[in-house]
Amino acid sequence: MLDFDKTEPGHETESDVLLAPDEVTIDQQQIILYNDDFNTFEHVIESLIKVCKHDKVQAEQCTYLVHYKGKCSVKRGSYKELEPMCTALLERGLTAEIE
């Protein structure tokens, strides 16, 4: 347990533990995959495994969510990380965007 009242060396203060707002980088975005009427379940599952590095169960779950809910967040990360994945999904004929 931290004792926030002690400021001697080796003891953390509350200000040492909390990050200043400019130190916190919230660069988390997501790829949203949308339902369509022409891609098969197998193609979507295969694409999520290949492009987004999902395991089979995760890819299947996302595919069913897309089918029944109309869309699903399939990957989170920085824009720099997500942009090539989103492009690859689009090249495979899927409908996706980064939010």
C-alpha atoms as a PDB file:
ATOM      1  CA  MET A   1       0.000   0.000   0.000  1.00  0.00           C
ATOM      2  CA  LEU A   2       1.350   3.422  -0.910  1.00  0.00           C
ATOM      3  CA  ASP A   3       1.692   6.003   1.828  1.00  0.00           C
ATOM      4  CA  PHE A   4       1.035   9.242  -0.003  1.00  0.00           C
ATOM      5  CA  ASP A   5       2.055  11.380   2.973  1.00  0.00           C
ATOM      6  CA  LYS A   6       5.727  10.347   2.938  1.00  0.00           C
ATOM      7  CA  THR A   7       8.012  12.227   0.568  1.00  0.00           C
ATOM      8  CA  GLU A   8      11.404  10.849   1.536  1.00  0.00           C
ATOM      9  CA  PRO A   9      13.470   8.929  -1.057  1.00  0.00           C
ATOM     10  CA  GLY A  10      12.002   5.556  -1.861  1.00  0.00           C
ATOM     11  CA  HIS A  11       8.454   6.640  -1.120  1.00  0.00           C
ATOM     12  CA  GLU A  12       6.086   7.615  -3.857  1.00  0.00           C
ATOM     13  CA  THR A  13       3.800  10.598  -3.584  1.00  0.00           C
ATOM     14  CA  GLU A  14       0.406  10.875  -5.199  1.00  0.00           C
ATOM     15  CA  SER A  15       1.824  13.278  -7.785  1.00  0.00           C
ATOM     16  CA  ASP A  16       4.503  10.696  -8.675  1.00  0.00           C
ATOM     17  CA  VAL A  17       1.855   8.071  -9.352  1.00  0.00           C
ATOM     18  CA  LEU A  18      -0.653  10.119 -11.347  1.00  0.00           C
ATOM     19  CA  LEU A  19       0.206  11.122 -14.888  1.00  0.00           C
ATOM     20  CA  ALA A  20      -0.246  14.658 -16.084  1.00  0.00           C
ATOM     21  CA  PRO A  21      -2.830  14.994 -18.875  1.00  0.00           C
ATOM     22  CA  ASP A  22      -0.134  15.781 -21.449  1.00  0.00           C
ATOM     23  CA  GLU A  23       1.692  12.553 -20.527  1.00  0.00           C
ATOM     24  CA  VAL A  24      -1.324  10.368 -21.269  1.00  0.00           C
ATOM     25  CA  THR A  25      -1.663   9.603 -24.940  1.00  0.00           C
ATOM     26  CA  ILE A  26      -5.052   8.314 -25.894  1.00  0.00           C
ATOM     27  CA  ASP A  27      -4.394   7.501 -29.527  1.00  0.00           C
ATOM     28  CA  GLN A  28      -6.768   4.553 -29.476  1.00  0.00           C
ATOM     29  CA  GLN A  29      -8.963   4.249 -32.507  1.00  0.00           C
ATOM     30  CA  GLN A  30     -10.842   1.291 -33.921  1.00  0.00           C
ATOM     31  CA  ILE A  31     -11.659  -0.413 -37.168  1.00  0.00           C
ATOM     32  CA  ILE A  32     -15.396  -0.750 -37.607  1.00  0.00           C
ATOM     33  CA  LEU A  33     -16.490  -3.535 -39.956  1.00  0.00           C
ATOM     34  CA  TYR A  34     -19.937  -3.175 -41.521  1.00  0.00           C
ATOM     35  CA  ASN A  35     -22.405  -5.754 -42.763  1.00  0.00           C
ATOM     36  CA  ASP A  36     -23.001  -6.167 -46.484  1.00  0.00           C
ATOM     37  CA  ASP A  37     -25.075  -8.428 -48.691  1.00  0.00           C
ATOM     38  CA  PHE A  38     -22.346 -10.001 -50.790  1.00  0.00           C
ATOM     39  CA  ASN A  39     -19.427 -11.286 -48.646  1.00  0.00           C
ATOM     40  CA  THR A  40     -19.730 -14.790 -47.236  1.00  0.00           C
ATOM     41  CA  PHE A  41     -19.171 -15.648 -43.596  1.00  0.00           C
ATOM     42  CA  GLU A  42     -16.152 -17.703 -44.607  1.00  0.00           C
ATOM     43  CA  HIS A  43     -14.578 -14.785 -46.479  1.00  0.00           C
ATOM     44  CA  VAL A  44     -15.097 -12.368 -43.570  1.00  0.00           C
ATOM     45  CA  ILE A  45     -13.729 -14.865 -41.032  1.00  0.00           C
ATOM     46  CA  GLU A  46     -10.707 -15.622 -43.218  1.00  0.00           C
ATOM     47  CA  SER A  47     -10.073 -11.896 -43.710  1.00  0.00           C
ATOM     48  CA  LEU A  48     -10.190 -11.145 -39.981  1.00  0.00           C
ATOM     49  CA  ILE A  49      -7.777 -13.994 -39.276  1.00  0.00           C
ATOM     50  CA  LYS A  50      -5.359 -12.966 -42.013  1.00  0.00           C
ATOM     51  CA  VAL A  51      -5.515  -9.167 -41.731  1.00  0.00           C
ATOM     52  CA  CYS A  52      -6.384  -8.468 -38.084  1.00  0.00           C
ATOM     53  CA  LYS A  53      -4.617 -11.545 -36.635  1.00  0.00           C
ATOM     54  CA  HIS A  54      -7.793 -12.789 -34.943  1.00  0.00           C
ATOM     55  CA  ASP A  55      -7.990 -16.377 -33.817  1.00  0.00           C
ATOM     56  CA  LYS A  56     -10.810 -18.426 -35.364  1.00  0.00           C
ATOM     57  CA  VAL A  57     -13.240 -17.970 -32.452  1.00  0.00           C
ATOM     58  CA  GLN A  58     -12.719 -14.206 -32.279  1.00  0.00           C
ATOM     59  CA  ALA A  59     -13.150 -13.881 -36.063  1.00  0.00           C
ATOM     60  CA  GLU A  60     -16.365 -15.924 -35.948  1.00  0.00           C
ATOM     61  CA  GLN A  61     -17.759 -13.849 -33.068  1.00  0.00           C
ATOM     62  CA  CYS A  62     -17.013 -10.572 -34.864  1.00  0.00           C
ATOM     63  CA  THR A  63     -18.559 -11.916 -38.068  1.00  0.00           C
ATOM     64  CA  TYR A  64     -21.789 -12.848 -36.279  1.00  0.00           C
ATOM     65  CA  LEU A  65     -21.908  -9.441 -34.561  1.00  0.00           C
ATOM     66  CA  VAL A  66     -21.479  -7.718 -37.921  1.00  0.00           C
ATOM     67  CA  HIS A  67     -24.225  -9.873 -39.422  1.00  0.00           C
ATOM     68  CA  TYR A  68     -26.769  -9.406 -36.621  1.00  0.00           C
ATOM     69  CA  LYS A  69     -25.896  -5.912 -35.350  1.00  0.00           C
ATOM     70  CA  GLY A  70     -24.829  -4.331 -38.643  1.00  0.00           C
ATOM     71  CA  LYS A  71     -21.316  -3.451 -37.498  1.00  0.00           C
ATOM     72  CA  CYS A  72     -18.591  -4.420 -35.054  1.00  0.00           C
ATOM     73  CA  SER A  73     -15.324  -2.996 -33.769  1.00  0.00           C
ATOM     74  CA  VAL A  74     -12.795  -5.578 -34.952  1.00  0.00           C
ATOM     75  CA  LYS A  75      -9.463  -4.002 -33.952  1.00  0.00           C
ATOM     76  CA  ARG A  76      -8.238  -1.203 -31.676  1.00  0.00           C
ATOM     77  CA  GLY A  77      -4.965   0.678 -31.807  1.00  0.00           C
ATOM     78  CA  SER A  78      -3.263   3.738 -33.181  1.00  0.00           C
ATOM     79  CA  TYR A  79      -4.196   5.099 -36.588  1.00  0.00           C
ATOM     80  CA  LYS A  80      -0.723   4.210 -37.858  1.00  0.00           C
ATOM     81  CA  GLU A  81      -1.253   0.581 -36.831  1.00  0.00           C
ATOM     82  CA  LEU A  82      -4.845   0.340 -38.085  1.00  0.00           C
ATOM     83  CA  GLU A  83      -4.572   2.098 -41.451  1.00  0.00           C
ATOM     84  CA  PRO A  84      -2.845  -0.751 -43.343  1.00  0.00           C
ATOM     85  CA  MET A  85      -5.265  -3.283 -41.826  1.00  0.00           C
ATOM     86  CA  CYS A  86      -8.305  -1.237 -42.813  1.00  0.00           C
ATOM     87  CA  THR A  87      -6.910  -0.827 -46.329  1.00  0.00           C
ATOM     88  CA  ALA A  88      -6.357  -4.586 -46.572  1.00  0.00           C
ATOM     89  CA  LEU A  89      -9.948  -5.261 -45.474  1.00  0.00           C
ATOM     90  CA  LEU A  90     -11.218  -2.815 -48.089  1.00  0.00           C
ATOM     91  CA  GLU A  91      -9.069  -4.479 -50.759  1.00  0.00           C
ATOM     92  CA  ARG A  92     -10.735  -7.778 -49.838  1.00  0.00           C
ATOM     93  CA  GLY A  93     -14.120  -6.234 -50.613  1.00  0.00           C
ATOM     94  CA  LEU A  94     -15.206  -5.633 -47.029  1.00  0.00           C
ATOM     95  CA  THR A  95     -16.743  -2.398 -45.802  1.00  0.00           C
ATOM     96  CA  ALA A  96     -14.664  -0.903 -42.990  1.00  0.00           C
ATOM     97  CA  GLU A  97     -13.528   2.417 -41.582  1.00  0.00           C
ATOM     98  CA  ILE A  98     -11.334   3.771 -38.811  1.00  0.00           C
ATOM     99  CA  GLU A  99     -13.094   5.764 -36.074  1.00  0.00           C
END
